[in-house]
Amino acid sequence: MIEDVERIVELAGVEVGGIEYVVDERTGRQMYYDVNALSNFVADPVRVVGFNPYARLADFLIAEAERHEASRGERVATSGGPR
C-alpha cells in the first residue's frame, strides 16, 4: 500500500497531502478514492497516525521556502513571529 501511495503522489506531483483509501474485506482489494494535495492532518495525529506531523510539516515548508528563495538570491525569515 505504501508503495502505491508513493507512486500516486509522485505522479501527481504532490509533496504534502493525504490519500484516502478503503480495503474491500471480501477481496482484499485496495481502492484509493481521494487525493488531498494539501495537508489533511487530523485532530489527534499521535493517536491516529502514530506521530505528530506538525513539526515535520513546518520543517518541510521552511526548507522549501529556503530552497526557493535561495534560487532567487533572496533571504527567508525562518525565526517565526511573536508567540
Protein backbone atom coordinates (compact mmCIF):
# COMPACT_ATOMS: atom_id res chain seq x y z
CA MET A 1 0.00 0.00 0.00
CA ILE A 2 2.80 2.44 0.88
CA GLU A 3 4.44 1.89 -2.50
CA ASP A 4 1.12 2.56 -4.26
CA VAL A 5 0.61 5.83 -2.38
CA GLU A 6 4.19 6.93 -3.03
CA ARG A 7 3.69 6.26 -6.73
CA ILE A 8 0.38 8.19 -6.78
CA VAL A 9 1.82 11.28 -5.09
CA GLU A 10 4.96 11.20 -7.22
CA LEU A 11 2.97 11.01 -10.46
CA ALA A 12 0.59 13.74 -9.23
CA GLY A 13 3.42 15.99 -8.05
CA VAL A 14 2.03 16.12 -4.51
CA GLU A 15 4.64 16.91 -1.85
CA VAL A 16 2.34 17.42 1.13
CA GLY A 17 -1.08 15.85 1.42
CA GLY A 18 -3.06 12.74 2.08
CA ILE A 19 -4.51 9.79 0.22
CA GLU A 20 -7.74 8.21 1.42
CA TYR A 21 -8.49 4.58 0.71
CA VAL A 22 -10.67 1.64 1.64
CA VAL A 23 -9.93 -2.07 1.58
CA ASP A 24 -12.63 -4.45 0.35
CA GLU A 25 -12.85 -7.01 3.18
CA ARG A 26 -14.16 -9.68 0.79
CA THR A 27 -11.37 -9.44 -1.77
CA GLY A 28 -8.59 -7.50 -0.01
CA ARG A 29 -8.58 -5.06 -2.93
CA GLN A 30 -7.31 -1.56 -2.07
CA MET A 31 -9.26 1.33 -3.55
CA TYR A 32 -7.91 4.88 -3.46
CA TYR A 33 -10.69 7.45 -3.69
CA ASP A 34 -9.37 10.83 -2.58
CA VAL A 35 -6.11 12.71 -3.13
CA ASN A 36 -5.77 15.80 -0.95
CA ALA A 37 -2.95 17.92 -2.33
CA LEU A 38 -2.76 19.98 0.85
CA SER A 39 -2.22 18.90 4.40
CA ASN A 40 -5.05 16.77 5.70
CA PHE A 41 -3.99 16.25 9.30
CA VAL A 42 -6.42 15.06 11.92
CA ALA A 43 -7.23 16.49 15.34
CA ASP A 44 -5.36 13.77 17.27
CA PRO A 45 -2.50 12.77 14.95
CA VAL A 46 -0.43 10.91 17.55
CA ARG A 47 -3.28 8.50 18.17
CA VAL A 48 -4.35 8.23 14.52
CA VAL A 49 -1.04 8.14 12.61
CA GLY A 50 1.40 7.35 15.40
CA PHE A 51 3.40 10.58 15.42
CA ASN A 52 2.94 14.35 15.48
CA PRO A 53 3.32 15.56 11.89
CA TYR A 54 3.18 19.32 12.53
CA ALA A 55 6.90 19.79 13.21
CA ARG A 56 7.77 17.73 10.13
CA LEU A 57 5.37 19.81 8.03
CA ALA A 58 6.84 23.07 9.33
CA ASP A 59 10.40 21.84 8.68
CA PHE A 60 9.43 20.79 5.15
CA LEU A 61 7.76 24.11 4.37
CA ILE A 62 10.70 26.11 5.73
CA ALA A 63 13.19 24.03 3.72
CA GLU A 64 11.10 24.50 0.56
CA ALA A 65 10.88 28.27 1.13
CA GLU A 66 14.63 28.47 1.75
CA ARG A 67 15.36 26.44 -1.39
CA HIS A 68 13.02 28.59 -3.46
CA GLU A 69 14.36 31.88 -2.14
CA ALA A 70 17.99 30.73 -2.48
CA SER A 71 17.37 30.06 -6.15
CA ARG A 72 16.19 33.68 -6.45
CA GLY A 73 19.02 35.14 -4.32
CA GLU A 74 16.66 36.22 -1.54
CA ARG A 75 16.60 35.54 2.20
CA VAL A 76 13.81 33.73 4.02
CA ALA A 77 12.85 34.68 7.56
CA THR A 78 12.58 31.41 9.46
CA SER A 79 12.57 32.55 13.05
CA GLY A 80 8.80 32.81 13.25
CA GLY A 81 6.66 35.57 14.58
CA PRO A 82 5.65 36.64 18.06
CA ARG A 83 4.14 33.97 20.26
